[in-house]
Amino acid sequence: MRLSEFWTAVSDEFGEAYGRTITNDLVLGEFDLTARQAIAAGTNTREIWLALCRAADVPESRWYGAGVRQPKK
């Protein structure tokens, strides 16, 4: 997942304002960092997106996010 795809997914799932808030304030237990801190630390954005989805109780059916192709079956 490219960084631009990550931000598109965040914006589409949470909206721009709440997306900024949740990526700045919500500490992801898997990394003990916020999403923005994890990005700055070089963590894979796909892993950050999935951790954010789990932490925010996003239904699994929406974990792939906008801008990201659904996996092939």
N, C-alpha and C. Protein backbone atom coordinates (compact mmCIF):
# COMPACT_ATOMS: atom_id res chain seq x y z
N MET A 1 0.85 -1.18 0.00
CA MET A 1 0.00 0.00 0.00
C MET A 1 0.90 1.24 0.00
N ARG A 2 0.69 2.07 -1.00
CA ARG A 2 1.43 3.32 -1.06
C ARG A 2 0.90 4.29 0.00
N LEU A 3 1.75 5.24 0.36
CA LEU A 3 1.35 6.23 1.36
C LEU A 3 0.12 7.00 0.88
N SER A 4 0.06 7.34 -0.39
CA SER A 4 -1.10 8.07 -0.91
C SER A 4 -2.37 7.22 -0.80
N GLU A 5 -2.25 5.91 -1.02
CA GLU A 5 -3.40 5.01 -0.87
C GLU A 5 -3.84 4.94 0.59
N PHE A 6 -2.88 4.95 1.50
CA PHE A 6 -3.19 4.95 2.93
C PHE A 6 -4.03 6.18 3.28
N TRP A 7 -3.57 7.36 2.85
CA TRP A 7 -4.29 8.59 3.19
C TRP A 7 -5.65 8.66 2.53
N THR A 8 -5.78 8.12 1.32
CA THR A 8 -7.09 8.05 0.67
C THR A 8 -8.02 7.15 1.46
N ALA A 9 -7.52 6.00 1.89
CA ALA A 9 -8.33 5.06 2.67
C ALA A 9 -8.76 5.69 3.99
N VAL A 10 -7.84 6.37 4.67
CA VAL A 10 -8.17 7.04 5.95
C VAL A 10 -9.26 8.08 5.73
N SER A 11 -9.08 8.90 4.71
CA SER A 11 -10.06 9.96 4.43
C SER A 11 -11.42 9.38 4.06
N ASP A 12 -11.42 8.34 3.24
CA ASP A 12 -12.69 7.73 2.84
C ASP A 12 -13.39 7.03 3.99
N GLU A 13 -12.64 6.41 4.85
CA GLU A 13 -13.24 5.66 5.97
C GLU A 13 -13.67 6.58 7.11
N PHE A 14 -12.84 7.56 7.45
CA PHE A 14 -13.08 8.36 8.64
C PHE A 14 -13.44 9.81 8.35
N GLY A 15 -13.29 10.26 7.11
CA GLY A 15 -13.46 11.67 6.80
C GLY A 15 -12.15 12.39 7.05
N GLU A 16 -11.99 13.55 6.45
CA GLU A 16 -10.70 14.25 6.56
C GLU A 16 -10.39 14.70 7.98
N ALA A 17 -11.35 15.36 8.62
CA ALA A 17 -11.08 15.90 9.96
C ALA A 17 -10.83 14.79 10.98
N TYR A 18 -11.75 13.82 11.05
CA TYR A 18 -11.56 12.74 12.01
C TYR A 18 -10.37 11.87 11.63
N GLY A 19 -10.12 11.73 10.34
CA GLY A 19 -8.95 10.97 9.89
C GLY A 19 -7.66 11.57 10.42
N ARG A 20 -7.55 12.90 10.37
CA ARG A 20 -6.37 13.58 10.93
C ARG A 20 -6.28 13.33 12.43
N THR A 21 -7.42 13.42 13.11
CA THR A 21 -7.44 13.24 14.55
C THR A 21 -7.04 11.82 14.94
N ILE A 22 -7.65 10.83 14.31
CA ILE A 22 -7.40 9.45 14.68
C ILE A 22 -5.95 9.02 14.37
N THR A 23 -5.38 9.53 13.28
CA THR A 23 -4.00 9.16 12.96
C THR A 23 -3.00 9.89 13.85
N ASN A 24 -3.41 11.02 14.42
CA ASN A 24 -2.55 11.76 15.35
C ASN A 24 -2.66 11.28 16.78
N ASP A 25 -3.85 10.84 17.19
CA ASP A 25 -4.12 10.61 18.61
C ASP A 25 -4.26 9.16 19.04
N LEU A 26 -4.73 8.30 18.16
CA LEU A 26 -4.98 6.91 18.55
C LEU A 26 -3.68 6.12 18.53
N VAL A 27 -3.27 5.63 19.69
CA VAL A 27 -2.07 4.80 19.77
C VAL A 27 -2.44 3.38 19.37
N LEU A 28 -1.74 2.89 18.37
CA LEU A 28 -1.99 1.54 17.87
C LEU A 28 -1.18 0.56 18.73
N GLY A 29 -1.87 -0.29 19.45
CA GLY A 29 -1.22 -1.20 20.39
C GLY A 29 -0.17 -2.08 19.75
N GLU A 30 -0.34 -2.41 18.48
CA GLU A 30 0.60 -3.29 17.80
C GLU A 30 1.97 -2.66 17.63
N PHE A 31 2.01 -1.33 17.60
CA PHE A 31 3.27 -0.62 17.40
C PHE A 31 3.63 0.26 18.59
N ASP A 32 2.68 0.49 19.49
CA ASP A 32 2.82 1.43 20.60
C ASP A 32 3.16 2.83 20.06
N LEU A 33 2.59 3.14 18.91
CA LEU A 33 2.76 4.43 18.24
C LEU A 33 1.43 4.83 17.61
N THR A 34 1.27 6.12 17.33
CA THR A 34 0.13 6.54 16.52
C THR A 34 0.44 6.18 15.07
N ALA A 35 -0.56 6.27 14.21
CA ALA A 35 -0.34 5.98 12.79
C ALA A 35 0.71 6.92 12.21
N ARG A 36 0.63 8.19 12.53
CA ARG A 36 1.61 9.14 12.01
C ARG A 36 3.02 8.85 12.52
N GLN A 37 3.13 8.48 13.78
CA GLN A 37 4.45 8.13 14.32
C GLN A 37 4.99 6.86 13.65
N ALA A 38 4.10 5.89 13.41
CA ALA A 38 4.51 4.65 12.76
C ALA A 38 4.98 4.92 11.33
N ILE A 39 4.31 5.82 10.62
CA ILE A 39 4.74 6.21 9.28
C ILE A 39 6.13 6.83 9.34
N ALA A 40 6.31 7.75 10.27
CA ALA A 40 7.61 8.42 10.42
C ALA A 40 8.72 7.43 10.78
N ALA A 41 8.35 6.36 11.48
CA ALA A 41 9.33 5.34 11.88
C ALA A 41 9.63 4.36 10.76
N GLY A 42 8.90 4.48 9.64
CA GLY A 42 9.16 3.61 8.50
C GLY A 42 8.38 2.31 8.49
N THR A 43 7.36 2.22 9.31
CA THR A 43 6.52 1.02 9.35
C THR A 43 5.73 0.90 8.05
N ASN A 44 5.54 -0.30 7.59
CA ASN A 44 4.80 -0.57 6.37
C ASN A 44 3.39 0.01 6.48
N THR A 45 2.99 0.83 5.51
CA THR A 45 1.70 1.51 5.59
C THR A 45 0.52 0.53 5.55
N ARG A 46 0.69 -0.58 4.88
CA ARG A 46 -0.37 -1.60 4.86
C ARG A 46 -0.60 -2.14 6.27
N GLU A 47 0.48 -2.39 7.00
CA GLU A 47 0.35 -2.88 8.37
C GLU A 47 -0.26 -1.81 9.28
N ILE A 48 0.09 -0.56 9.04
CA ILE A 48 -0.50 0.54 9.82
C ILE A 48 -1.99 0.62 9.54
N TRP A 49 -2.38 0.54 8.26
CA TRP A 49 -3.79 0.59 7.90
C TRP A 49 -4.56 -0.52 8.59
N LEU A 50 -4.06 -1.73 8.54
CA LEU A 50 -4.76 -2.86 9.16
C LEU A 50 -4.85 -2.69 10.68
N ALA A 51 -3.78 -2.20 11.30
CA ALA A 51 -3.79 -1.96 12.75
C ALA A 51 -4.80 -0.86 13.09
N LEU A 52 -4.87 0.17 12.27
CA LEU A 52 -5.83 1.25 12.48
C LEU A 52 -7.26 0.73 12.35
N CYS A 53 -7.51 -0.10 11.35
CA CYS A 53 -8.83 -0.70 11.17
C CYS A 53 -9.24 -1.52 12.39
N ARG A 54 -8.32 -2.34 12.87
CA ARG A 54 -8.62 -3.17 14.05
C ARG A 54 -8.88 -2.30 15.28
N ALA A 55 -8.04 -1.30 15.49
CA ALA A 55 -8.17 -0.44 16.67
C ALA A 55 -9.44 0.39 16.64
N ALA A 56 -9.90 0.76 15.45
CA ALA A 56 -11.09 1.61 15.32
C ALA A 56 -12.35 0.80 15.04
N ASP A 57 -12.26 -0.52 15.14
CA ASP A 57 -13.40 -1.41 14.92
C ASP A 57 -14.05 -1.22 13.55
N VAL A 58 -13.22 -1.00 12.53
CA VAL A 58 -13.72 -0.93 11.16
C VAL A 58 -14.10 -2.35 10.73
N PRO A 59 -15.28 -2.56 10.18
CA PRO A 59 -15.66 -3.91 9.73
C PRO A 59 -14.64 -4.46 8.73
N GLU A 60 -14.32 -5.72 8.87
CA GLU A 60 -13.30 -6.34 8.03
C GLU A 60 -13.59 -6.20 6.53
N SER A 61 -14.85 -6.11 6.19
CA SER A 61 -15.21 -5.96 4.77
C SER A 61 -14.70 -4.65 4.18
N ARG A 62 -14.33 -3.68 5.03
CA ARG A 62 -13.83 -2.39 4.55
C ARG A 62 -12.34 -2.20 4.81
N TRP A 63 -11.64 -3.24 5.22
CA TRP A 63 -10.22 -3.11 5.54
C TRP A 63 -9.35 -2.79 4.35
N TYR A 64 -9.79 -3.08 3.15
CA TYR A 64 -8.94 -2.83 2.00
C TYR A 64 -8.87 -1.37 1.65
N GLY A 65 -9.86 -0.60 2.06
CA GLY A 65 -9.81 0.85 1.90
C GLY A 65 -9.94 1.30 0.46
N ALA A 66 -10.18 2.57 0.31
CA ALA A 66 -10.30 3.18 -1.02
C ALA A 66 -8.92 3.28 -1.64
N GLY A 67 -8.88 3.18 -2.93
CA GLY A 67 -7.63 3.31 -3.64
C GLY A 67 -6.80 2.04 -3.64
N VAL A 68 -7.28 1.01 -3.00
CA VAL A 68 -6.54 -0.25 -2.92
C VAL A 68 -7.39 -1.34 -3.55
N ARG A 69 -6.81 -2.07 -4.47
CA ARG A 69 -7.55 -3.12 -5.13
C ARG A 69 -7.86 -4.27 -4.17
N GLN A 70 -9.04 -4.84 -4.36
CA GLN A 70 -9.41 -6.03 -3.59
C GLN A 70 -8.46 -7.16 -3.97
N PRO A 71 -8.12 -8.03 -3.02
CA PRO A 71 -7.21 -9.13 -3.35
C PRO A 71 -7.89 -10.11 -4.31
N LYS A 72 -7.08 -10.76 -5.13
CA LYS A 72 -7.61 -11.77 -6.04
C LYS A 72 -7.94 -13.01 -5.24
N LYS A 73 -9.00 -13.67 -5.63
CA LYS A 73 -9.41 -14.88 -4.91
C LYS A 73 -8.78 -16.09 -5.52
